[in-house]
Amino acid sequence: MNCGILLFDGVDLMDVAGPYEVLLTASRLQERRGDLPSFTVTTVSTTGGPVTAYGGLGLAAESGPDGAGGFDVLIVPGAIAIDPLVDDQGLIHAVRRLAATAKLTASVCTGAFLLERAGLLDGVQATTHWEDVDGLAARLGWDRVRADVRWVDSGRVVTAGGLSSGIAMALHLVERFAGRELAEATARQVDYVWTEERGA
């Protein structure tokens, strides 16, 4: 599966690095046992150029949204400040453009607000960082926001809670597309205690 991670200035580094590492590790474990890898990971930015993550670390993108091929999975990370995030029309356009051809769109942390602004959370349940569930519920309604779990799988859309919940969600994607055994092996390899319940 071709997985794309969207980069932008101010992005939370762990929102990007967690899923990136999980998907690459899962494929590495498959190759180690002589199987074909299930996942490739590509980074894409709104401009096609490098971005600066929150805290100042530079990240390189392999293409822009118009140069990227269709992804099987699009992962949209979040950022600290939500208002500038959802007011960035170029970023919203990139989310819509990339999600339109993806088989599945996933978010990490406040990336859920980008999905909401892009119209991708209509009629589905979702979650986000525990500090921001009230804000997401104000947009979606409490009947559609889960505060008790680290990820929510709504079919074509999967949302994750904050930061390290992106690792948990990526392990769920490994399980969904390549099986529970590989997901558990990947969790062991990255030395991560994999739980669905928030606060477990």
N, C-alpha and C. Protein backbone atom coordinates (compact mmCIF):
# COMPACT_ATOMS: atom_id res chain seq x y z
N MET A 1 0.84 -1.18 0.00
CA MET A 1 0.00 0.00 0.00
C MET A 1 0.88 1.24 0.00
N ASN A 2 0.54 2.18 -0.85
CA ASN A 2 1.28 3.43 -0.92
C ASN A 2 0.68 4.41 0.07
N CYS A 3 1.44 4.77 1.10
CA CYS A 3 0.96 5.64 2.17
C CYS A 3 1.63 7.00 2.06
N GLY A 4 0.86 8.05 2.08
CA GLY A 4 1.39 9.41 2.01
C GLY A 4 1.16 10.14 3.31
N ILE A 5 2.17 10.86 3.77
CA ILE A 5 2.05 11.68 4.97
C ILE A 5 2.18 13.15 4.55
N LEU A 6 1.18 13.94 4.89
CA LEU A 6 1.16 15.35 4.52
C LEU A 6 1.99 16.17 5.51
N LEU A 7 2.92 16.96 4.99
CA LEU A 7 3.76 17.83 5.82
C LEU A 7 3.38 19.29 5.60
N PHE A 8 3.55 20.10 6.64
CA PHE A 8 3.31 21.54 6.53
C PHE A 8 4.06 22.22 7.67
N ASP A 9 4.31 23.51 7.52
CA ASP A 9 5.02 24.26 8.56
C ASP A 9 4.25 24.22 9.87
N GLY A 10 4.98 23.93 10.96
CA GLY A 10 4.37 23.87 12.27
C GLY A 10 3.81 22.51 12.64
N VAL A 11 3.98 21.52 11.77
CA VAL A 11 3.44 20.18 12.02
C VAL A 11 4.08 19.59 13.27
N ASP A 12 3.31 18.80 14.02
CA ASP A 12 3.85 18.09 15.17
C ASP A 12 4.73 16.94 14.67
N LEU A 13 5.97 16.93 15.12
CA LEU A 13 6.93 15.94 14.63
C LEU A 13 6.49 14.51 14.92
N MET A 14 6.01 14.25 16.14
CA MET A 14 5.64 12.87 16.48
C MET A 14 4.43 12.40 15.68
N ASP A 15 3.54 13.32 15.31
CA ASP A 15 2.40 12.96 14.47
C ASP A 15 2.86 12.38 13.14
N VAL A 16 4.01 12.88 12.66
CA VAL A 16 4.59 12.41 11.41
C VAL A 16 5.44 11.17 11.65
N ALA A 17 6.36 11.27 12.61
CA ALA A 17 7.37 10.23 12.80
C ALA A 17 6.79 8.93 13.32
N GLY A 18 5.75 9.00 14.18
CA GLY A 18 5.17 7.77 14.71
C GLY A 18 4.63 6.85 13.63
N PRO A 19 3.66 7.32 12.83
CA PRO A 19 3.15 6.47 11.75
C PRO A 19 4.22 6.09 10.73
N TYR A 20 5.12 7.02 10.43
CA TYR A 20 6.19 6.76 9.47
C TYR A 20 7.02 5.56 9.93
N GLU A 21 7.44 5.58 11.18
CA GLU A 21 8.28 4.51 11.71
C GLU A 21 7.53 3.19 11.78
N VAL A 22 6.27 3.22 12.20
CA VAL A 22 5.48 1.99 12.31
C VAL A 22 5.33 1.32 10.95
N LEU A 23 4.95 2.07 9.94
CA LEU A 23 4.72 1.48 8.62
C LEU A 23 6.00 0.96 8.00
N LEU A 24 7.11 1.70 8.16
CA LEU A 24 8.39 1.22 7.64
C LEU A 24 8.86 -0.01 8.39
N THR A 25 8.66 -0.03 9.70
CA THR A 25 9.07 -1.19 10.49
C THR A 25 8.28 -2.42 10.11
N ALA A 26 6.98 -2.28 9.91
CA ALA A 26 6.16 -3.42 9.49
C ALA A 26 6.67 -4.00 8.18
N SER A 27 6.99 -3.14 7.23
CA SER A 27 7.51 -3.62 5.95
C SER A 27 8.88 -4.26 6.11
N ARG A 28 9.72 -3.69 6.96
CA ARG A 28 11.05 -4.25 7.20
C ARG A 28 10.95 -5.66 7.80
N LEU A 29 10.02 -5.85 8.72
CA LEU A 29 9.83 -7.17 9.31
C LEU A 29 9.35 -8.18 8.26
N GLN A 30 8.50 -7.74 7.36
CA GLN A 30 8.06 -8.63 6.29
C GLN A 30 9.22 -9.04 5.39
N GLU A 31 10.03 -8.04 5.01
CA GLU A 31 11.19 -8.34 4.16
C GLU A 31 12.16 -9.27 4.87
N ARG A 32 12.33 -9.09 6.16
CA ARG A 32 13.26 -9.91 6.94
C ARG A 32 12.86 -11.39 6.89
N ARG A 33 11.55 -11.65 6.82
CA ARG A 33 11.11 -13.04 6.77
C ARG A 33 10.85 -13.52 5.33
N GLY A 34 11.28 -12.73 4.37
CA GLY A 34 11.21 -13.14 2.97
C GLY A 34 9.93 -12.81 2.25
N ASP A 35 9.08 -11.99 2.86
CA ASP A 35 7.82 -11.59 2.23
C ASP A 35 7.97 -10.24 1.54
N LEU A 36 7.05 -9.96 0.63
CA LEU A 36 7.01 -8.63 0.03
C LEU A 36 6.48 -7.64 1.05
N PRO A 37 7.04 -6.43 1.08
CA PRO A 37 6.56 -5.43 2.05
C PRO A 37 5.17 -4.92 1.68
N SER A 38 4.36 -4.69 2.71
CA SER A 38 2.98 -4.23 2.48
C SER A 38 2.87 -2.73 2.31
N PHE A 39 3.86 -1.97 2.82
CA PHE A 39 3.71 -0.51 2.89
C PHE A 39 4.93 0.20 2.34
N THR A 40 4.68 1.22 1.54
CA THR A 40 5.69 2.22 1.21
C THR A 40 5.19 3.55 1.76
N VAL A 41 6.10 4.43 2.13
CA VAL A 41 5.72 5.70 2.75
C VAL A 41 6.35 6.84 1.97
N THR A 42 5.53 7.81 1.60
CA THR A 42 5.97 8.99 0.85
C THR A 42 5.54 10.23 1.62
N THR A 43 6.40 11.25 1.63
CA THR A 43 6.03 12.51 2.24
C THR A 43 5.67 13.53 1.15
N VAL A 44 4.66 14.31 1.44
CA VAL A 44 4.19 15.32 0.49
C VAL A 44 3.89 16.60 1.27
N SER A 45 4.25 17.74 0.72
CA SER A 45 3.96 19.02 1.37
C SER A 45 3.08 19.86 0.47
N THR A 46 2.53 20.92 1.03
CA THR A 46 1.63 21.77 0.25
C THR A 46 2.34 22.44 -0.91
N THR A 47 3.65 22.67 -0.77
CA THR A 47 4.41 23.35 -1.83
C THR A 47 5.32 22.40 -2.59
N GLY A 48 5.53 21.20 -2.07
CA GLY A 48 6.49 20.29 -2.66
C GLY A 48 7.89 20.47 -2.10
N GLY A 49 8.07 21.52 -1.31
CA GLY A 49 9.38 21.81 -0.73
C GLY A 49 9.46 21.41 0.73
N PRO A 50 10.60 21.71 1.36
CA PRO A 50 10.77 21.35 2.77
C PRO A 50 9.86 22.18 3.68
N VAL A 51 9.62 21.67 4.88
CA VAL A 51 8.83 22.37 5.88
C VAL A 51 9.61 22.40 7.18
N THR A 52 9.16 23.23 8.11
CA THR A 52 9.76 23.29 9.43
C THR A 52 8.73 22.85 10.45
N ALA A 53 9.03 21.75 11.14
CA ALA A 53 8.12 21.22 12.15
C ALA A 53 8.13 22.11 13.38
N TYR A 54 7.12 21.94 14.22
CA TYR A 54 7.08 22.66 15.50
C TYR A 54 8.36 22.38 16.27
N GLY A 55 9.00 23.45 16.74
CA GLY A 55 10.27 23.32 17.44
C GLY A 55 11.47 23.60 16.57
N GLY A 56 11.28 23.63 15.22
CA GLY A 56 12.35 24.06 14.34
C GLY A 56 13.02 23.00 13.50
N LEU A 57 12.67 21.75 13.65
CA LEU A 57 13.32 20.70 12.85
C LEU A 57 12.80 20.73 11.42
N GLY A 58 13.72 20.72 10.46
CA GLY A 58 13.35 20.71 9.05
C GLY A 58 13.00 19.31 8.57
N LEU A 59 11.99 19.23 7.72
CA LEU A 59 11.55 17.97 7.13
C LEU A 59 11.47 18.13 5.62
N ALA A 60 11.94 17.13 4.90
CA ALA A 60 11.90 17.17 3.44
C ALA A 60 10.66 16.46 2.93
N ALA A 61 10.07 17.01 1.89
CA ALA A 61 8.94 16.36 1.22
C ALA A 61 9.39 15.86 -0.14
N GLU A 62 8.79 14.77 -0.58
CA GLU A 62 9.18 14.19 -1.86
C GLU A 62 8.42 14.79 -3.03
N SER A 63 7.27 15.42 -2.74
CA SER A 63 6.49 16.04 -3.82
C SER A 63 5.46 16.98 -3.22
N GLY A 64 4.77 17.70 -4.12
CA GLY A 64 3.61 18.49 -3.72
C GLY A 64 2.34 17.73 -4.01
N PRO A 65 1.19 18.27 -3.60
CA PRO A 65 -0.06 17.53 -3.80
C PRO A 65 -0.39 17.25 -5.26
N ASP A 66 -0.03 18.17 -6.15
CA ASP A 66 -0.35 17.97 -7.55
C ASP A 66 0.61 16.99 -8.23
N GLY A 67 1.80 16.81 -7.63
CA GLY A 67 2.77 15.88 -8.21
C GLY A 67 2.71 14.50 -7.61
N ALA A 68 1.94 14.35 -6.54
CA ALA A 68 1.84 13.06 -5.87
C ALA A 68 0.87 12.15 -6.61
N GLY A 69 1.22 10.89 -6.69
CA GLY A 69 0.28 9.92 -7.24
C GLY A 69 -0.80 9.64 -6.22
N GLY A 70 -1.78 8.86 -6.62
CA GLY A 70 -2.84 8.51 -5.68
C GLY A 70 -2.32 7.63 -4.56
N PHE A 71 -2.71 7.95 -3.34
CA PHE A 71 -2.30 7.16 -2.19
C PHE A 71 -3.40 6.16 -1.82
N ASP A 72 -2.97 5.00 -1.36
CA ASP A 72 -3.93 4.09 -0.74
C ASP A 72 -4.36 4.64 0.61
N VAL A 73 -3.38 5.17 1.36
CA VAL A 73 -3.64 5.75 2.68
C VAL A 73 -3.01 7.13 2.73
N LEU A 74 -3.79 8.13 3.10
CA LEU A 74 -3.29 9.48 3.35
C LEU A 74 -3.33 9.72 4.85
N ILE A 75 -2.20 10.16 5.42
CA ILE A 75 -2.14 10.47 6.85
C ILE A 75 -1.94 11.97 7.01
N VAL A 76 -2.85 12.58 7.77
CA VAL A 76 -2.83 14.03 7.99
C VAL A 76 -2.50 14.29 9.46
N PRO A 77 -1.30 14.77 9.75
CA PRO A 77 -0.93 15.08 11.14
C PRO A 77 -1.52 16.39 11.59
N GLY A 78 -1.27 16.73 12.86
CA GLY A 78 -1.80 17.96 13.42
C GLY A 78 -0.71 18.95 13.79
N ALA A 79 -1.13 19.99 14.52
CA ALA A 79 -0.22 21.05 14.96
C ALA A 79 -0.74 21.59 16.29
N ILE A 80 0.07 22.40 16.95
CA ILE A 80 -0.29 22.94 18.26
C ILE A 80 -1.47 23.90 18.16
N ALA A 81 -1.37 24.87 17.27
CA ALA A 81 -2.39 25.91 17.14
C ALA A 81 -3.43 25.49 16.11
N ILE A 82 -4.68 25.37 16.53
CA ILE A 82 -5.72 24.85 15.65
C ILE A 82 -6.25 25.92 14.69
N ASP A 83 -6.48 27.14 15.17
CA ASP A 83 -7.10 28.16 14.32
C ASP A 83 -6.29 28.45 13.07
N PRO A 84 -4.96 28.70 13.18
CA PRO A 84 -4.20 28.92 11.94
C PRO A 84 -4.22 27.70 11.02
N LEU A 85 -4.31 26.52 11.62
CA LEU A 85 -4.34 25.27 10.85
C LEU A 85 -5.56 25.23 9.95
N VAL A 86 -6.74 25.44 10.55
CA VAL A 86 -7.98 25.30 9.78
C VAL A 86 -8.28 26.51 8.91
N ASP A 87 -7.55 27.62 9.15
CA ASP A 87 -7.73 28.81 8.31
C ASP A 87 -6.80 28.82 7.11
N ASP A 88 -5.89 27.84 7.02
CA ASP A 88 -4.92 27.77 5.93
C ASP A 88 -5.60 27.11 4.71
N GLN A 89 -6.06 27.94 3.80
CA GLN A 89 -6.82 27.42 2.66
C GLN A 89 -5.98 26.53 1.75
N GLY A 90 -4.68 26.83 1.63
CA GLY A 90 -3.81 25.98 0.84
C GLY A 90 -3.69 24.59 1.42
N LEU A 91 -3.62 24.54 2.74
CA LEU A 91 -3.54 23.25 3.43
C LEU A 91 -4.84 22.47 3.30
N ILE A 92 -5.97 23.16 3.47
CA ILE A 92 -7.27 22.50 3.32
C ILE A 92 -7.42 21.97 1.89
N HIS A 93 -7.00 22.76 0.91
CA HIS A 93 -7.07 22.31 -0.49
C HIS A 93 -6.23 21.06 -0.69
N ALA A 94 -5.03 21.04 -0.10
CA ALA A 94 -4.16 19.86 -0.24
C ALA A 94 -4.81 18.63 0.38
N VAL A 95 -5.43 18.79 1.54
CA VAL A 95 -6.11 17.66 2.18
C VAL A 95 -7.22 17.14 1.27
N ARG A 96 -8.05 18.05 0.75
CA ARG A 96 -9.14 17.63 -0.13
C ARG A 96 -8.61 16.96 -1.39
N ARG A 97 -7.59 17.55 -1.98
CA ARG A 97 -7.02 17.03 -3.23
C ARG A 97 -6.47 15.63 -3.05
N LEU A 98 -5.72 15.42 -1.98
CA LEU A 98 -5.09 14.12 -1.74
C LEU A 98 -6.10 13.08 -1.27
N ALA A 99 -7.05 13.51 -0.43
CA ALA A 99 -8.05 12.56 0.08
C ALA A 99 -9.01 12.11 -1.01
N ALA A 100 -9.20 12.93 -2.03
CA ALA A 100 -10.16 12.59 -3.09
C ALA A 100 -9.79 11.31 -3.81
N THR A 101 -8.50 10.99 -3.89
CA THR A 101 -8.06 9.80 -4.60
C THR A 101 -7.57 8.70 -3.65
N ALA A 102 -7.53 8.98 -2.35
CA ALA A 102 -7.07 7.98 -1.39
C ALA A 102 -8.18 6.99 -1.07
N LYS A 103 -7.79 5.75 -0.81
CA LYS A 103 -8.78 4.76 -0.39
C LYS A 103 -9.15 4.96 1.07
N LEU A 104 -8.21 5.49 1.86
CA LEU A 104 -8.45 5.74 3.28
C LEU A 104 -7.68 6.99 3.68
N THR A 105 -8.32 7.83 4.48
CA THR A 105 -7.67 9.02 5.01
C THR A 105 -7.64 8.91 6.53
N ALA A 106 -6.47 9.14 7.10
CA ALA A 106 -6.30 9.06 8.55
C ALA A 106 -5.73 10.38 9.06
N SER A 107 -6.07 10.70 10.31
CA SER A 107 -5.49 11.89 10.93
C SER A 107 -4.88 11.51 12.26
N VAL A 108 -3.94 12.34 12.70
CA VAL A 108 -3.33 12.20 14.02
C VAL A 108 -3.55 13.50 14.76
N CYS A 109 -3.98 13.42 16.01
CA CYS A 109 -4.10 14.59 16.88
C CYS A 109 -5.05 15.62 16.25
N THR A 110 -4.62 16.88 16.22
CA THR A 110 -5.49 17.94 15.70
C THR A 110 -5.63 17.90 14.18
N GLY A 111 -4.99 16.96 13.53
CA GLY A 111 -5.26 16.75 12.11
C GLY A 111 -6.73 16.46 11.85
N ALA A 112 -7.44 15.98 12.89
CA ALA A 112 -8.89 15.75 12.75
C ALA A 112 -9.62 17.04 12.39
N PHE A 113 -9.13 18.18 12.87
CA PHE A 113 -9.78 19.45 12.54
C PHE A 113 -9.60 19.79 11.06
N LEU A 114 -8.47 19.39 10.48
CA LEU A 114 -8.28 19.56 9.05
C LEU A 114 -9.25 18.69 8.26
N LEU A 115 -9.43 17.46 8.72
CA LEU A 115 -10.40 16.58 8.05
C LEU A 115 -11.80 17.16 8.15
N GLU A 116 -12.13 17.69 9.34
CA GLU A 116 -13.47 18.27 9.51
C GLU A 116 -13.66 19.46 8.58
N ARG A 117 -12.67 20.34 8.52
CA ARG A 117 -12.79 21.53 7.66
C ARG A 117 -12.87 21.13 6.19
N ALA A 118 -12.23 20.03 5.83
CA ALA A 118 -12.26 19.56 4.44
C ALA A 118 -13.51 18.76 4.12
N GLY A 119 -14.40 18.58 5.11
CA GLY A 119 -15.65 17.88 4.89
C GLY A 119 -15.54 16.37 4.92
N LEU A 120 -14.45 15.84 5.48
CA LEU A 120 -14.22 14.40 5.47
C LEU A 120 -14.78 13.68 6.68
N LEU A 121 -15.27 14.42 7.67
CA LEU A 121 -15.83 13.80 8.87
C LEU A 121 -17.35 13.83 8.90
N ASP A 122 -17.96 14.20 7.79
CA ASP A 122 -19.42 14.25 7.74
C ASP A 122 -20.01 12.87 8.00
N GLY A 123 -20.83 12.76 9.04
CA GLY A 123 -21.54 11.52 9.32
C GLY A 123 -20.72 10.40 9.93
N VAL A 124 -19.48 10.68 10.38
CA VAL A 124 -18.66 9.63 10.97
C VAL A 124 -18.25 10.02 12.39
N GLN A 125 -17.84 9.03 13.16
CA GLN A 125 -17.28 9.28 14.48
C GLN A 125 -15.79 9.56 14.35
N ALA A 126 -15.27 10.32 15.34
CA ALA A 126 -13.86 10.71 15.27
C ALA A 126 -13.33 10.97 16.67
N THR A 127 -12.01 11.11 16.75
CA THR A 127 -11.37 11.53 17.99
C THR A 127 -10.21 12.46 17.66
N THR A 128 -9.62 13.04 18.71
CA THR A 128 -8.47 13.93 18.55
C THR A 128 -7.75 13.95 19.90
N HIS A 129 -6.78 14.84 20.04
CA HIS A 129 -6.06 14.98 21.30
C HIS A 129 -7.05 15.24 22.43
N TRP A 130 -6.78 14.65 23.61
CA TRP A 130 -7.74 14.76 24.72
C TRP A 130 -8.01 16.20 25.12
N GLU A 131 -7.04 17.10 24.92
CA GLU A 131 -7.27 18.52 25.25
C GLU A 131 -8.25 19.18 24.28
N ASP A 132 -8.42 18.58 23.12
CA ASP A 132 -9.19 19.24 22.06
C ASP A 132 -10.48 18.55 21.69
N VAL A 133 -10.88 17.51 22.47
CA VAL A 133 -12.12 16.80 22.13
C VAL A 133 -13.34 17.72 22.27
N ASP A 134 -13.31 18.65 23.24
CA ASP A 134 -14.43 19.58 23.37
C ASP A 134 -14.59 20.43 22.11
N GLY A 135 -13.45 20.90 21.59
CA GLY A 135 -13.50 21.71 20.38
C GLY A 135 -14.00 20.94 19.18
N LEU A 136 -13.60 19.68 19.07
CA LEU A 136 -14.08 18.87 17.96
C LEU A 136 -15.56 18.56 18.12
N ALA A 137 -15.97 18.32 19.38
CA ALA A 137 -17.39 18.06 19.64
C ALA A 137 -18.24 19.28 19.32
N ALA A 138 -17.69 20.49 19.51
CA ALA A 138 -18.43 21.70 19.17
C ALA A 138 -18.70 21.78 17.67
N ARG A 139 -17.86 21.15 16.89
CA ARG A 139 -18.03 21.16 15.43
C ARG A 139 -18.87 19.98 14.94
N LEU A 140 -18.72 18.83 15.61
CA LEU A 140 -19.37 17.61 15.13
C LEU A 140 -20.56 17.17 15.97
N GLY A 141 -20.57 17.56 17.26
CA GLY A 141 -21.56 17.05 18.20
C GLY A 141 -20.97 15.90 19.00
N TRP A 142 -21.35 15.83 20.29
CA TRP A 142 -20.77 14.81 21.16
C TRP A 142 -21.15 13.40 20.76
N ASP A 143 -22.24 13.24 20.01
CA ASP A 143 -22.63 11.90 19.58
C ASP A 143 -21.65 11.32 18.57
N ARG A 144 -20.78 12.17 18.02
CA ARG A 144 -19.84 11.71 16.99
C ARG A 144 -18.38 11.83 17.40
N VAL A 145 -18.12 12.19 18.66
CA VAL A 145 -16.74 12.33 19.13
C VAL A 145 -16.48 11.33 20.25
N ARG A 146 -15.40 10.57 20.13
CA ARG A 146 -15.01 9.60 21.15
C ARG A 146 -13.83 10.16 21.94
N ALA A 147 -13.98 10.21 23.26
CA ALA A 147 -12.91 10.70 24.13
C ALA A 147 -12.22 9.57 24.88
N ASP A 148 -12.71 8.34 24.71
CA ASP A 148 -12.25 7.22 25.53
C ASP A 148 -11.28 6.29 24.82
N VAL A 149 -11.01 6.53 23.54
CA VAL A 149 -10.16 5.63 22.77
C VAL A 149 -9.04 6.40 22.08
N ARG A 150 -8.02 5.68 21.66
CA ARG A 150 -6.85 6.30 21.04
C ARG A 150 -6.99 6.43 19.53
N TRP A 151 -7.88 5.66 18.94
CA TRP A 151 -8.21 5.84 17.53
C TRP A 151 -9.64 5.39 17.30
N VAL A 152 -10.22 5.93 16.21
CA VAL A 152 -11.57 5.57 15.78
C VAL A 152 -11.50 5.20 14.31
N ASP A 153 -11.93 3.99 13.98
CA ASP A 153 -11.97 3.53 12.60
C ASP A 153 -13.41 3.64 12.10
N SER A 154 -13.64 4.57 11.18
CA SER A 154 -14.98 4.78 10.63
C SER A 154 -15.07 4.33 9.18
N GLY A 155 -14.22 3.39 8.80
CA GLY A 155 -14.27 2.87 7.44
C GLY A 155 -13.25 3.54 6.56
N ARG A 156 -13.68 4.52 5.78
CA ARG A 156 -12.74 5.24 4.90
C ARG A 156 -11.97 6.33 5.63
N VAL A 157 -12.34 6.60 6.89
CA VAL A 157 -11.65 7.61 7.69
C VAL A 157 -11.27 7.00 9.03
N VAL A 158 -10.01 7.21 9.43
CA VAL A 158 -9.53 6.78 10.74
C VAL A 158 -8.90 7.99 11.41
N THR A 159 -9.29 8.27 12.65
CA THR A 159 -8.72 9.39 13.38
C THR A 159 -8.05 8.88 14.65
N ALA A 160 -6.99 9.57 15.06
CA ALA A 160 -6.24 9.17 16.25
C ALA A 160 -6.16 10.33 17.22
N GLY A 161 -5.95 10.00 18.48
CA GLY A 161 -5.74 11.00 19.52
C GLY A 161 -4.38 11.67 19.35
N GLY A 162 -3.87 12.24 20.41
CA GLY A 162 -2.67 13.05 20.32
C GLY A 162 -1.36 12.28 20.28
N LEU A 163 -0.44 12.79 19.47
CA LEU A 163 0.97 12.41 19.50
C LEU A 163 1.19 10.91 19.42
N SER A 164 1.47 10.24 20.53
CA SER A 164 1.80 8.82 20.46
C SER A 164 0.62 7.96 20.05
N SER A 165 -0.60 8.50 20.11
CA SER A 165 -1.75 7.75 19.60
C SER A 165 -1.64 7.52 18.10
N GLY A 166 -0.83 8.33 17.42
CA GLY A 166 -0.57 8.08 16.00
C GLY A 166 0.15 6.77 15.78
N ILE A 167 1.01 6.38 16.73
CA ILE A 167 1.66 5.08 16.66
C ILE A 167 0.62 3.98 16.81
N ALA A 168 -0.27 4.13 17.81
CA ALA A 168 -1.32 3.14 18.03
C ALA A 168 -2.22 3.01 16.81
N MET A 169 -2.58 4.14 16.21
CA MET A 169 -3.43 4.12 15.03
C MET A 169 -2.72 3.46 13.85
N ALA A 170 -1.43 3.75 13.68
CA ALA A 170 -0.69 3.14 12.57
C ALA A 170 -0.58 1.63 12.76
N LEU A 171 -0.42 1.17 13.99
CA LEU A 171 -0.43 -0.27 14.26
C LEU A 171 -1.79 -0.87 13.90
N HIS A 172 -2.85 -0.11 14.17
CA HIS A 172 -4.19 -0.57 13.76
C HIS A 172 -4.28 -0.70 12.24
N LEU A 173 -3.68 0.24 11.51
CA LEU A 173 -3.69 0.16 10.05
C LEU A 173 -2.90 -1.06 9.58
N VAL A 174 -1.78 -1.36 10.24
CA VAL A 174 -1.03 -2.56 9.90
C VAL A 174 -1.91 -3.79 10.11
N GLU A 175 -2.61 -3.83 11.24
CA GLU A 175 -3.51 -4.96 11.50
C GLU A 175 -4.61 -5.04 10.44
N ARG A 176 -5.20 -3.89 10.12
CA ARG A 176 -6.32 -3.88 9.17
C ARG A 176 -5.91 -4.37 7.79
N PHE A 177 -4.70 -3.99 7.35
CA PHE A 177 -4.30 -4.30 5.98
C PHE A 177 -3.32 -5.46 5.85
N ALA A 178 -2.66 -5.84 6.95
CA ALA A 178 -1.65 -6.90 6.84
C ALA A 178 -1.75 -7.94 7.95
N GLY A 179 -2.71 -7.80 8.87
CA GLY A 179 -2.93 -8.84 9.85
C GLY A 179 -2.45 -8.52 11.25
N ARG A 180 -3.11 -9.14 12.21
CA ARG A 180 -2.80 -8.91 13.63
C ARG A 180 -1.39 -9.34 14.01
N GLU A 181 -0.93 -10.45 13.44
CA GLU A 181 0.39 -10.96 13.81
C GLU A 181 1.47 -9.95 13.46
N LEU A 182 1.39 -9.35 12.28
CA LEU A 182 2.39 -8.36 11.89
C LEU A 182 2.28 -7.11 12.76
N ALA A 183 1.05 -6.69 13.09
CA ALA A 183 0.88 -5.52 13.94
C ALA A 183 1.50 -5.75 15.31
N GLU A 184 1.28 -6.94 15.90
CA GLU A 184 1.86 -7.22 17.20
C GLU A 184 3.38 -7.33 17.13
N ALA A 185 3.90 -7.91 16.05
CA ALA A 185 5.35 -7.98 15.88
C ALA A 185 5.96 -6.59 15.72
N THR A 186 5.25 -5.72 15.02
CA THR A 186 5.73 -4.35 14.84
C THR A 186 5.73 -3.60 16.16
N ALA A 187 4.68 -3.77 16.95
CA ALA A 187 4.62 -3.13 18.27
C ALA A 187 5.79 -3.59 19.14
N ARG A 188 6.09 -4.89 19.09
CA ARG A 188 7.24 -5.39 19.85
C ARG A 188 8.54 -4.78 19.35
N GLN A 189 8.67 -4.69 18.03
CA GLN A 189 9.91 -4.18 17.44
C GLN A 189 10.17 -2.73 17.84
N VAL A 190 9.12 -1.93 17.88
CA VAL A 190 9.30 -0.52 18.25
C VAL A 190 9.16 -0.31 19.76
N ASP A 191 9.00 -1.42 20.50
CA ASP A 191 8.95 -1.41 21.97
C ASP A 191 7.83 -0.50 22.46
N TYR A 192 6.63 -0.78 21.97
CA TYR A 192 5.47 0.07 22.24
C TYR A 192 4.35 -0.77 22.83
N VAL A 193 3.77 -0.31 23.92
CA VAL A 193 2.62 -0.99 24.54
C VAL A 193 1.37 -0.53 23.80
N TRP A 194 0.79 -1.42 23.02
CA TRP A 194 -0.28 -1.07 22.09
C TRP A 194 -1.64 -1.32 22.74
N THR A 195 -2.38 -0.26 23.03
CA THR A 195 -3.72 -0.36 23.61
C THR A 195 -4.67 0.56 22.84
N GLU A 196 -5.93 0.17 22.79
CA GLU A 196 -6.93 1.00 22.13
C GLU A 196 -7.52 2.02 23.08
N GLU A 197 -7.71 1.64 24.33
CA GLU A 197 -8.36 2.52 25.28
C GLU A 197 -7.43 3.65 25.71
N ARG A 198 -7.95 4.85 25.76
CA ARG A 198 -7.18 5.98 26.24
C ARG A 198 -7.02 5.87 27.75
N GLY A 199 -5.79 6.06 28.23
CA GLY A 199 -5.53 6.01 29.65
C GLY A 199 -5.31 4.61 30.18
N ALA A 200 -5.28 3.60 29.29
CA ALA A 200 -5.08 2.21 29.73
C ALA A 200 -3.64 1.99 30.13
